């Protein structure tokens, strides 16, 4: 049993308390035994003195010596009526070493005198003063030696030590068994459950079932069970995401091939004789190009390769127009109802440096979320996009007059599969958008979201750490 273990330390603490209890029992008991011994000598001396007081004649020397020997004393002095009288006497073998008055002796003084008596192996003569029994005088005084007193104190102490030690050891064993049953066994159960769970955290059967009787242990098991359920759920979700990623990668691979073929046919539309077709063809080609690029990016992501932004300088107003035109065409408003109004406040000459396709995806996602939130209310609404710049960064603000995000969506805003704001949504859009902005060295923030609408702001730094060495191209 190691001292670093709970059972080992409990055993050491129990042993310390047992020793302390032994001292608290032994010391007062020995002191009381000494007092009882001396008081019994006083009583015997008083009884012996009655033989002389009962007659006017003097006792024979041998009878007096026998009385003193039976009483275990050398001399007996009795004070009655303020007269001090030597009742019985015999030769004293040595000088008186100490005097003890038992009539009013403090408890701690008695313990101190008892310990001093045990520590002194020499046989000394002491004087003891006490009150006679039955008020047979004012005081009684005897002289006696310490040898027999010390011998009997040692014998009594050893017997008491053995008995109290036996009870203390029994008590310690019972306490240890109780601690084992009430504390260590439940703790070992928790440890075994944690070990079993660590070996298979995906298996819900290894989650602990709280059943401890102690309130504190039950609370600990409840907290552990909640944590294990959270971890198991997260691991299962991670596994599902991995499987989903593989499926998306396969779909993206096939979809890329299909879109590549569609792109070839879309290129031919630019040579159409119909002017409307020729005007629509570039937008169709750009949309298909983005779809192909998205498939290729998804395939790269499935290979755990995060594509770095392809930096270029381009006009932000033109990009915002593409986003709003695409969302305006996709807007689904009831017949006769007012369509969603798109307002832009972007300087026509504002040119920024970023990955144009990735920024299109970010803005398109934010505007689409705003449009869908307004459409869900079946009321007219407005989506506003503003932009600006300063010496350190470019900023783009997207706001709407929708119903605002629910609390759950705000709490897990940029977490995939957790921050969805509408029924059927996965929450991937905002997570991807925030990740794309971070790849640019910027940040996407939620400024506000209440019953009056929602507003996001996108910050893009002018100096992109780690991306400045990439080649830049200029796009209109």
Protein backbone atom coordinates (compact mmCIF):
# COMPACT_ATOMS: atom_id res chain seq x y z
CA UNK A 1 0.00 0.00 0.00
CA UNK A 2 1.67 3.22 -1.19
CA UNK A 3 1.61 6.42 0.84
CA UNK A 4 0.67 8.26 -2.37
CA UNK A 5 -2.60 6.34 -2.53
CA UNK A 6 -5.76 7.45 -0.76
CA UNK A 7 -5.95 4.24 1.29
CA UNK A 8 -2.29 4.58 2.37
CA UNK A 9 -2.69 8.17 3.49
CA UNK A 10 -5.94 7.34 5.26
CA UNK A 11 -4.15 4.55 7.13
CA UNK A 12 -1.37 6.95 8.20
CA UNK A 13 -3.86 9.59 9.35
CA UNK A 14 -5.82 6.92 11.24
CA UNK A 15 -2.63 5.75 12.94
CA UNK A 16 -1.80 9.32 14.00
CA UNK A 17 -5.28 9.80 15.42
CA UNK A 18 -5.05 6.47 17.24
CA UNK A 19 -1.78 7.55 18.90
CA UNK A 20 -3.33 10.87 19.83
CA UNK A 21 -6.34 9.10 21.32
CA UNK A 22 -3.99 6.82 23.29
CA UNK A 23 -2.26 9.82 24.80
CA UNK A 24 -5.55 11.54 25.61
CA UNK A 25 -6.73 8.39 27.38
CA UNK A 26 -3.47 7.29 29.02
CA UNK A 27 -2.23 10.53 30.59
CA UNK A 28 -5.42 11.48 32.50
CA UNK A 29 -5.92 7.86 33.54
CA UNK A 30 -2.44 7.55 35.05
CA UNK A 31 -2.86 10.89 36.81
CA UNK A 32 -6.19 9.76 38.26
CA UNK A 33 -4.69 6.42 39.30
CA UNK A 34 -1.92 8.25 41.20
CA UNK A 35 -4.48 10.41 42.99
CA UNK A 36 -6.56 7.35 43.89
CA UNK A 37 -3.45 5.57 45.20
CA UNK A 38 -2.43 8.47 47.43
CA UNK A 39 -5.99 9.03 48.66
CA UNK A 40 -6.23 5.33 49.56
CA UNK A 41 -3.04 5.73 51.61
CA UNK A 42 -4.63 8.67 53.42
CA UNK A 43 -7.75 6.62 54.17
CA UNK A 44 -5.69 3.68 55.47
CA UNK A 45 -3.64 6.01 57.62
CA UNK A 46 -6.82 7.57 59.03
CA UNK A 47 -8.22 4.11 59.86
CA UNK A 48 -4.94 3.12 61.54
CA UNK A 49 -5.01 6.27 63.63
CA UNK A 50 -8.48 5.38 64.94
CA UNK A 51 -6.91 2.57 67.01
CA UNK A 52 -4.96 5.13 69.02
CA UNK A 53 -7.76 7.69 69.19
CA UNK A 54 -10.21 5.07 70.53
CA UNK A 55 -8.15 4.55 73.75
CA UNK A 56 -6.23 6.71 76.11
CA UNK A 57 -3.46 4.15 76.44
CA UNK A 58 -0.43 4.09 74.16
CA UNK A 59 -0.03 1.32 71.64
CA UNK A 60 2.76 -1.16 71.72
CA UNK A 61 5.61 -0.44 69.34
CA UNK A 62 5.08 -3.65 67.35
CA UNK A 63 1.35 -2.95 66.97
CA UNK A 64 2.03 0.64 65.83
CA UNK A 65 4.61 -0.63 63.35
CA UNK A 66 2.11 -3.15 61.99
CA UNK A 67 -0.56 -0.48 61.59
CA UNK A 68 1.84 1.79 59.67
CA UNK A 69 3.03 -1.08 57.48
CA UNK A 70 -0.52 -2.08 56.61
CA UNK A 71 -1.30 1.53 55.77
CA UNK A 72 1.89 1.79 53.69
CA UNK A 73 3.09 4.97 55.40
CA UNK A 74 5.83 6.13 57.79
CA UNK A 75 4.05 8.80 59.82
CA UNK A 76 0.48 9.98 60.33
CA UNK A 77 -0.31 13.52 61.47
CA UNK A 78 -3.90 14.52 62.17
CA UNK A 79 -5.06 18.08 62.74
CA UNK A 80 -8.21 18.42 64.80
CA UNK A 81 -9.52 21.53 66.50
CA UNK A 82 -6.55 23.50 65.20
CA UNK A 83 -4.22 21.09 67.01
CA UNK A 84 -1.63 19.21 64.97
CA UNK A 85 -1.03 15.77 66.49
CA UNK A 86 1.48 13.10 65.45
CA UNK A 87 -0.74 10.04 65.80
CA UNK A 88 1.52 7.30 64.43
CA UNK A 89 5.21 7.49 63.70
CA UNK A 90 8.20 5.45 62.64
CA UNK A 91 11.72 6.23 61.43
CA UNK A 92 11.82 7.98 58.01
CA UNK A 93 14.45 6.40 55.68
CA UNK A 94 15.44 9.72 54.10
CA UNK A 95 14.66 13.39 53.68
CA UNK A 96 11.29 14.43 52.31
CA UNK A 97 11.73 15.11 48.57
CA UNK A 98 8.34 16.72 47.82
CA UNK A 99 5.02 17.64 49.37
CA UNK A 100 1.68 17.14 47.60
CA UNK A 101 -1.57 18.74 48.79
CA UNK A 102 -4.48 16.77 47.34
CA UNK A 103 -7.19 19.05 48.68
CA UNK A 104 -7.14 21.49 45.76
CA UNK A 105 -4.83 20.23 43.01
CA UNK A 106 -5.40 21.40 39.38
CA UNK A 107 -5.90 18.75 36.71
CA UNK A 108 -2.83 19.72 34.66
CA UNK A 109 -0.69 19.77 37.80
CA UNK A 110 -1.82 16.23 38.59
CA UNK A 111 -0.80 15.08 35.10
CA UNK A 112 2.56 16.81 35.40
CA UNK A 113 3.27 15.24 38.83
CA UNK A 114 2.23 11.83 37.51
CA UNK A 115 4.62 12.04 34.54
CA UNK A 116 7.41 13.23 36.84
CA UNK A 117 6.75 10.27 39.13
CA UNK A 118 7.03 7.84 36.21
CA UNK A 119 10.21 9.46 34.95
CA UNK A 120 11.99 9.27 38.34
CA UNK A 121 13.24 5.70 39.03
CA UNK A 122 14.65 6.52 42.53
CA UNK A 123 12.70 5.65 45.68
CA UNK A 124 12.00 8.95 47.44
CA UNK A 125 10.09 10.00 50.57
CA UNK A 126 7.14 12.32 49.94
CA UNK A 127 4.63 14.12 52.16
CA UNK A 128 0.94 13.89 51.20
CA UNK A 129 -1.74 16.18 52.65
CA UNK A 130 -5.46 15.58 52.30
CA UNK A 131 -8.86 16.02 53.94
CA UNK A 132 -10.00 13.25 56.36
CA UNK A 133 -13.07 11.26 55.37
CA UNK A 134 -16.37 11.89 57.14
CA UNK A 135 -14.97 15.26 58.35
CA UNK A 136 -12.93 13.51 61.06
CA UNK A 137 -10.58 16.45 61.38
CA UNK A 138 -9.22 19.43 59.50
CA UNK A 139 -6.51 17.60 57.59
CA UNK A 140 -4.46 14.46 57.56
CA UNK A 141 -0.81 14.28 56.63
CA UNK A 142 1.28 11.23 55.84
CA UNK A 143 4.80 10.42 54.70
CA UNK A 144 5.43 7.51 52.37
CA UNK A 145 7.85 6.34 49.72
CA UNK A 146 7.38 6.36 45.91
CA UNK A 147 8.63 2.91 44.98
CA UNK A 148 5.36 1.04 45.26
CA UNK A 149 3.43 3.98 43.79
CA UNK A 150 5.65 4.04 40.69
CA UNK A 151 5.53 0.25 40.30
CA UNK A 152 1.75 0.16 40.40
CA UNK A 153 1.48 3.18 38.09
CA UNK A 154 3.65 1.40 35.49
CA UNK A 155 1.64 -1.81 35.83
CA UNK A 156 -1.66 0.06 35.51
CA UNK A 157 -0.38 2.07 32.56
CA UNK A 158 0.72 -1.04 30.66
CA UNK A 159 -2.62 -2.77 31.25
CA UNK A 160 -4.52 0.33 30.20
CA UNK A 161 -2.27 0.77 27.17
CA UNK A 162 -2.90 -2.78 25.99
CA UNK A 163 -6.66 -2.53 26.45
CA UNK A 164 -6.98 0.91 24.83
CA UNK A 165 -4.59 -0.12 22.03
CA UNK A 166 -6.78 -3.14 21.30
CA UNK A 167 -9.89 -0.97 21.12
CA UNK A 168 -8.04 1.68 19.09
CA UNK A 169 -6.76 -0.85 16.57
CA UNK A 170 -10.25 -2.32 16.27
CA UNK A 171 -11.68 1.16 15.77
CA UNK A 172 -9.02 1.95 13.17
CA UNK A 173 -9.80 -1.26 11.29
CA UNK A 174 -13.52 -0.48 11.32
CA UNK A 175 -12.84 3.07 10.11
CA UNK A 176 -10.58 1.76 7.36
CA UNK A 177 -13.20 -0.76 6.27
CA UNK A 178 -15.87 1.94 6.32
CA UNK A 179 -13.66 4.23 4.23
CA UNK A 180 -12.97 1.40 1.81
CA UNK A 181 -16.67 0.67 1.47
CA UNK A 182 -17.99 4.22 1.38
CA UNK A 183 -15.19 6.05 -0.47
CA UNK A 184 -12.53 3.90 -2.06
CA UNK A 185 -14.82 1.31 -3.64
CA UNK A 186 -16.98 3.97 -5.38
CA UNK A 187 -13.85 5.88 -6.44
CA UNK A 188 -12.31 2.72 -7.88
CA UNK A 189 -15.60 2.10 -9.69
CA UNK A 190 -15.40 5.56 -11.25
CA UNK A 191 -11.76 4.93 -12.22
CA UNK A 192 -12.63 1.58 -13.80
CA UNK A 193 -15.45 3.21 -15.77
CA UNK A 194 -13.11 5.96 -16.94
CA UNK A 195 -10.54 3.38 -18.03
CA UNK A 196 -13.16 1.33 -19.86
CA UNK A 197 -14.54 4.45 -21.51
CA UNK A 198 -11.06 5.60 -22.58
CA UNK A 199 -10.54 2.28 -24.39
CA UNK A 200 -13.77 2.68 -26.41
CA UNK A 201 -15.16 6.26 -26.18
CA UNK A 202 -17.43 5.72 -29.20
CA UNK A 203 -19.33 2.95 -27.41
CA UNK A 204 -22.26 4.47 -25.51
CA UNK A 205 -22.51 1.34 -23.38
CA UNK A 206 -19.32 2.33 -21.54
CA UNK A 207 -20.88 5.56 -20.23
CA UNK A 208 -21.13 5.43 -16.45
CA UNK A 209 -24.55 5.18 -14.81
CA UNK A 210 -24.60 7.32 -11.63
CA UNK A 211 -25.68 5.20 -8.65
CA UNK A 212 -23.41 6.31 -5.78
CA UNK A 213 -25.21 6.78 -2.50
CA UNK A 214 -22.99 9.61 -1.31
CA UNK A 215 -24.20 12.95 -2.64
CA UNK A 216 -20.74 14.21 -3.61
CA UNK A 217 -19.79 11.01 -5.46
CA UNK A 218 -23.18 10.92 -7.17
CA UNK A 219 -22.65 14.49 -8.38
CA UNK A 220 -19.18 13.53 -9.65
CA UNK A 221 -20.59 10.49 -11.49
CA UNK A 222 -23.40 12.62 -12.98
CA UNK A 223 -20.89 15.19 -14.24
CA UNK A 224 -18.68 12.42 -15.62
CA UNK A 225 -21.64 10.80 -17.40
CA UNK A 226 -22.60 14.15 -18.96
CA UNK A 227 -19.03 14.70 -20.15
CA UNK A 228 -18.82 11.17 -21.57
CA UNK A 229 -22.11 11.63 -23.44
CA UNK A 230 -20.82 14.91 -24.88
CA UNK A 231 -17.53 13.33 -25.98
CA UNK A 232 -19.27 10.27 -27.44
CA UNK A 233 -21.68 12.47 -29.37
CA UNK A 234 -18.80 14.61 -30.65
CA UNK A 235 -16.84 11.54 -31.75
CA UNK A 236 -19.87 10.12 -33.54
CA UNK A 237 -20.44 13.45 -35.24
CA UNK A 238 -16.78 13.55 -36.22
CA UNK A 239 -17.08 10.08 -37.70
CA UNK A 240 -20.22 11.09 -39.60
CA UNK A 241 -18.42 14.18 -40.88
CA UNK A 242 -15.53 12.04 -42.08
CA UNK A 243 -17.93 9.74 -43.90
CA UNK A 244 -19.78 12.76 -45.28
CA UNK A 245 -16.49 14.23 -46.46
CA UNK A 246 -15.66 11.07 -48.36
CA UNK A 247 -19.10 11.05 -49.94
CA UNK A 248 -18.87 14.74 -50.88
CA UNK A 249 -15.43 14.16 -52.37
CA UNK A 250 -16.78 11.38 -54.59
CA UNK A 251 -19.81 13.45 -55.60
CA UNK A 252 -17.62 16.50 -56.27
CA UNK A 253 -15.35 14.42 -58.48
CA UNK A 254 -18.24 13.26 -60.63
CA UNK A 255 -19.92 16.67 -60.58
CA UNK A 256 -16.72 18.33 -61.73
CA UNK A 257 -16.63 16.13 -64.79
CA UNK A 258 -20.28 16.91 -65.55
CA UNK A 259 -19.78 20.67 -65.09
CA UNK A 260 -16.66 20.62 -67.26
CA UNK A 261 -18.75 19.23 -70.08
CA UNK A 262 -21.44 21.86 -69.41
CA UNK A 263 -18.77 24.55 -69.49
CA UNK A 264 -17.71 23.48 -72.97
CA UNK A 265 -21.27 23.83 -74.24
CA UNK A 266 -21.70 27.16 -72.40
CA UNK A 267 -18.64 28.54 -74.20
CA UNK A 268 -20.36 27.90 -77.51
CA UNK A 269 -23.35 29.98 -76.44
CA UNK A 270 -21.19 33.09 -76.72
CA UNK A 271 -21.21 32.63 -80.51
CA UNK A 272 -25.01 32.46 -80.64
CA UNK A 273 -26.82 34.78 -83.03
CA UNK A 274 -29.33 35.69 -80.34
CA UNK A 275 -28.18 38.88 -78.54
CA UNK A 276 -29.93 37.90 -75.28
CA UNK A 277 -28.17 34.56 -75.29
CA UNK A 278 -24.82 36.24 -75.94
CA UNK A 279 -25.40 38.61 -72.99
CA UNK A 280 -26.37 35.78 -70.64
CA UNK A 281 -23.60 33.44 -71.77
CA UNK A 282 -20.72 35.11 -69.81
CA UNK A 283 -22.70 34.94 -66.57
CA UNK A 284 -23.51 31.30 -67.22
CA UNK A 285 -19.85 30.56 -67.96
CA UNK A 286 -18.75 32.35 -64.77
CA UNK A 287 -21.29 30.43 -62.69
CA UNK A 288 -20.18 27.10 -64.11
CA UNK A 289 -16.52 28.06 -63.61
CA UNK A 290 -17.22 28.80 -59.95
CA UNK A 291 -19.02 25.49 -59.59
CA UNK A 292 -16.08 23.63 -61.12
CA UNK A 293 -13.67 25.52 -58.86
CA UNK A 294 -15.84 24.69 -55.84
CA UNK A 295 -15.74 20.98 -56.71
CA UNK A 296 -11.97 21.09 -57.07
CA UNK A 297 -11.67 22.90 -53.72
CA UNK A 298 -13.90 20.30 -52.08
CA UNK A 299 -11.69 17.53 -53.44
CA UNK A 300 -8.63 19.31 -52.08
CA UNK A 301 -10.32 19.74 -48.69
CA UNK A 302 -11.16 16.03 -48.65
CA UNK A 303 -7.43 15.42 -49.00
CA UNK A 304 -6.83 17.70 -45.96
CA UNK A 305 -5.27 20.33 -48.27
CA UNK A 306 -6.55 23.79 -47.40
CA UNK A 307 -6.29 25.91 -50.58
CA UNK A 308 -4.59 29.25 -50.00
CA UNK A 309 -6.29 32.36 -51.41
CA UNK A 310 -5.26 33.28 -54.94
CA UNK A 311 -4.79 37.02 -54.42
CA UNK A 312 -5.81 39.48 -57.05
CA UNK A 313 -6.91 43.10 -57.22
CA UNK A 314 -10.46 43.64 -58.42
CA UNK A 315 -13.32 46.08 -58.20
CA UNK A 316 -15.52 45.27 -55.21
CA UNK A 317 -18.61 47.04 -56.57
CA UNK A 318 -18.75 44.71 -59.58
CA UNK A 319 -18.47 41.66 -57.34
CA UNK A 320 -21.26 42.91 -55.05
CA UNK A 321 -23.46 43.51 -58.10
CA UNK A 322 -22.96 39.92 -59.23
CA UNK A 323 -23.96 38.66 -55.79
CA UNK A 324 -27.09 40.83 -55.51
CA UNK A 325 -28.20 40.08 -59.09
CA UNK A 326 -27.88 36.34 -58.49
CA UNK A 327 -29.81 36.49 -55.22
CA UNK A 328 -32.46 38.76 -56.73
CA UNK A 329 -33.11 36.17 -59.43
CA UNK A 330 -33.31 33.43 -56.77
CA UNK A 331 -35.69 35.45 -54.59
CA UNK A 332 -38.98 33.64 -53.99
CA UNK A 333 -41.71 36.11 -53.04
CA UNK A 334 -45.48 35.52 -53.25
CA UNK A 335 -47.27 36.88 -56.30
CA UNK A 336 -48.34 40.48 -55.75
CA UNK A 337 -46.00 40.91 -52.78
CA UNK A 338 -43.14 43.37 -52.80
CA UNK A 339 -39.79 41.77 -53.68
CA UNK A 340 -36.81 42.00 -51.37
CA UNK A 341 -34.95 45.26 -51.86
CA UNK A 342 -31.17 45.11 -52.31
CA UNK A 343 -29.29 48.29 -51.38
CA UNK A 344 -25.58 48.73 -52.00
CA UNK A 345 -23.33 51.42 -50.65
CA UNK A 346 -20.00 50.48 -52.20
CA UNK A 347 -17.78 53.14 -53.79
CA UNK A 348 -17.53 52.48 -57.54
CA UNK A 349 -13.75 52.93 -57.46
CA UNK A 350 -13.08 50.72 -54.44
CA UNK A 351 -10.50 48.09 -55.37
CA UNK A 352 -9.46 45.43 -52.91
CA UNK A 353 -6.96 42.59 -52.88
CA UNK A 354 -8.36 39.13 -52.15
CA UNK A 355 -9.36 35.82 -53.73
CA UNK A 356 -12.29 36.90 -55.90
CA UNK A 357 -14.02 33.52 -56.02
CA UNK A 358 -13.65 32.92 -52.28
CA UNK A 359 -14.95 36.39 -51.45
CA UNK A 360 -17.87 35.79 -53.81
CA UNK A 361 -18.72 32.65 -51.86
CA UNK A 362 -18.53 34.52 -48.54
CA UNK A 363 -20.78 37.39 -49.67
CA UNK A 364 -23.14 35.07 -51.50
CA UNK A 365 -23.58 32.95 -48.38
CA UNK A 366 -24.27 35.94 -46.12
CA UNK A 367 -26.71 37.56 -48.58
CA UNK A 368 -28.46 34.24 -49.24
CA UNK A 369 -28.93 33.68 -45.50
CA UNK A 370 -30.39 37.19 -45.18
CA UNK A 371 -32.73 36.64 -48.15
CA UNK A 372 -33.99 33.30 -46.82
CA UNK A 373 -34.55 34.79 -43.34
CA UNK A 374 -36.70 37.62 -44.82
CA UNK A 375 -38.61 35.24 -47.10
CA UNK A 376 -39.47 33.06 -44.08
CA UNK A 377 -41.39 36.00 -42.57
CA UNK A 378 -43.57 36.46 -45.70
CA UNK A 379 -43.05 40.19 -45.36
CA UNK A 380 -41.07 42.69 -47.45
CA UNK A 381 -37.54 43.40 -46.35
CA UNK A 382 -34.27 45.02 -47.23
CA UNK A 383 -30.72 43.72 -47.59
CA UNK A 384 -27.97 46.31 -47.50
CA UNK A 385 -24.32 45.87 -48.43
CA UNK A 386 -21.82 48.59 -47.62
CA UNK A 387 -18.04 48.76 -47.86
CA UNK A 388 -15.15 51.07 -47.13
CA UNK A 389 -11.46 51.21 -46.37
CA UNK A 390 -8.91 52.83 -44.10
CA UNK A 391 -5.13 52.63 -43.75
CA UNK A 392 -5.15 49.16 -42.17
CA UNK A 393 -8.03 47.26 -43.77
CA UNK A 394 -11.01 46.97 -46.05
CA UNK A 395 -14.41 46.31 -44.50
CA UNK A 396 -17.69 45.01 -45.88
CA UNK A 397 -20.95 45.24 -43.93
CA UNK A 398 -24.00 43.07 -44.73
CA UNK A 399 -27.27 43.86 -42.92
CA UNK A 400 -30.91 42.85 -43.27
CA UNK A 401 -34.30 43.62 -41.76
CA UNK A 402 -35.13 39.98 -41.04
CA UNK A 403 -36.28 38.45 -37.74
CA UNK A 404 -32.77 38.00 -36.32
CA UNK A 405 -30.89 34.86 -35.43
CA UNK A 406 -32.23 32.47 -32.78
CA UNK A 407 -30.22 32.12 -29.57
CA UNK A 408 -28.89 28.66 -30.47
CA UNK A 409 -27.57 29.96 -33.77
CA UNK A 410 -25.84 32.86 -31.99
CA UNK A 411 -24.26 30.56 -29.41
CA UNK A 412 -22.80 28.22 -32.07
CA UNK A 413 -22.59 30.76 -34.89
CA UNK A 414 -19.48 29.62 -36.75
CA UNK A 415 -19.55 25.93 -35.78
CA UNK A 416 -20.49 23.47 -38.54
CA UNK A 417 -23.70 21.49 -38.03
CA UNK A 418 -24.48 23.60 -34.94
CA UNK A 419 -25.07 27.18 -36.06
CA UNK A 420 -27.89 26.67 -38.55
CA UNK A 421 -30.44 29.51 -38.32
CA UNK A 422 -33.28 27.96 -40.34
CA UNK A 423 -35.07 24.64 -40.43
CA UNK A 424 -33.16 22.18 -42.59
CA UNK A 425 -29.98 24.26 -42.48
CA UNK A 426 -26.69 22.61 -41.60
CA UNK A 427 -24.78 25.62 -40.35
CA UNK A 428 -21.94 24.86 -42.76
CA UNK A 429 -22.30 28.10 -44.72
CA UNK A 430 -21.23 30.49 -41.97
CA UNK A 431 -18.51 28.10 -40.80
CA UNK A 432 -17.06 27.96 -44.33
CA UNK A 433 -17.40 31.73 -44.76
CA UNK A 434 -15.58 32.43 -41.49
CA UNK A 435 -12.84 29.97 -42.46
CA UNK A 436 -12.37 31.60 -45.88
CA UNK A 437 -12.09 35.03 -44.27
CA UNK A 438 -9.54 33.73 -41.77
CA UNK A 439 -7.48 32.37 -44.67
CA UNK A 440 -7.22 35.98 -45.83
CA UNK A 441 -5.94 37.02 -42.40
CA UNK A 442 -9.25 38.73 -41.65
CA UNK A 443 -12.25 38.05 -39.47
CA UNK A 444 -16.02 37.76 -39.80
CA UNK A 445 -18.05 39.19 -36.91
CA UNK A 446 -21.69 39.43 -35.92
CA UNK A 447 -22.39 43.07 -35.04
CA UNK A 448 -25.98 42.62 -33.90
CA UNK A 449 -28.98 40.32 -34.27
CA UNK A 450 -32.38 41.19 -32.84
CA UNK A 451 -35.99 41.56 -33.93
CA UNK A 452 -34.98 44.49 -36.17
CA UNK A 453 -32.54 42.42 -38.20
CA UNK A 454 -29.02 41.05 -38.39
CA UNK A 455 -25.75 42.67 -39.34
CA UNK A 456 -22.37 41.11 -40.10
CA UNK A 457 -19.07 42.84 -40.82
CA UNK A 458 -16.12 41.42 -42.70
CA UNK A 459 -12.59 42.75 -42.12
CA UNK A 460 -9.80 42.19 -44.67
CA UNK A 461 -6.31 43.49 -43.82
CA UNK A 462 -4.31 45.33 -46.43
CA UNK A 463 -1.16 43.44 -45.43
CA UNK A 464 -1.87 39.70 -45.51
CA UNK A 465 0.62 37.85 -43.30
CA UNK A 466 1.98 34.79 -45.04
CA UNK A 467 0.22 35.64 -48.31
CA UNK A 468 2.17 38.67 -49.48
CA UNK A 469 4.58 36.54 -51.48
CA UNK A 470 1.85 35.10 -53.69
CA UNK A 471 1.55 36.40 -57.17
CA UNK A 472 -1.09 39.05 -57.71
CA UNK A 473 -3.10 39.63 -60.83
CA UNK A 474 -5.39 42.49 -61.66
CA UNK A 475 -9.00 41.87 -62.49
CA UNK A 476 -11.66 44.37 -63.37
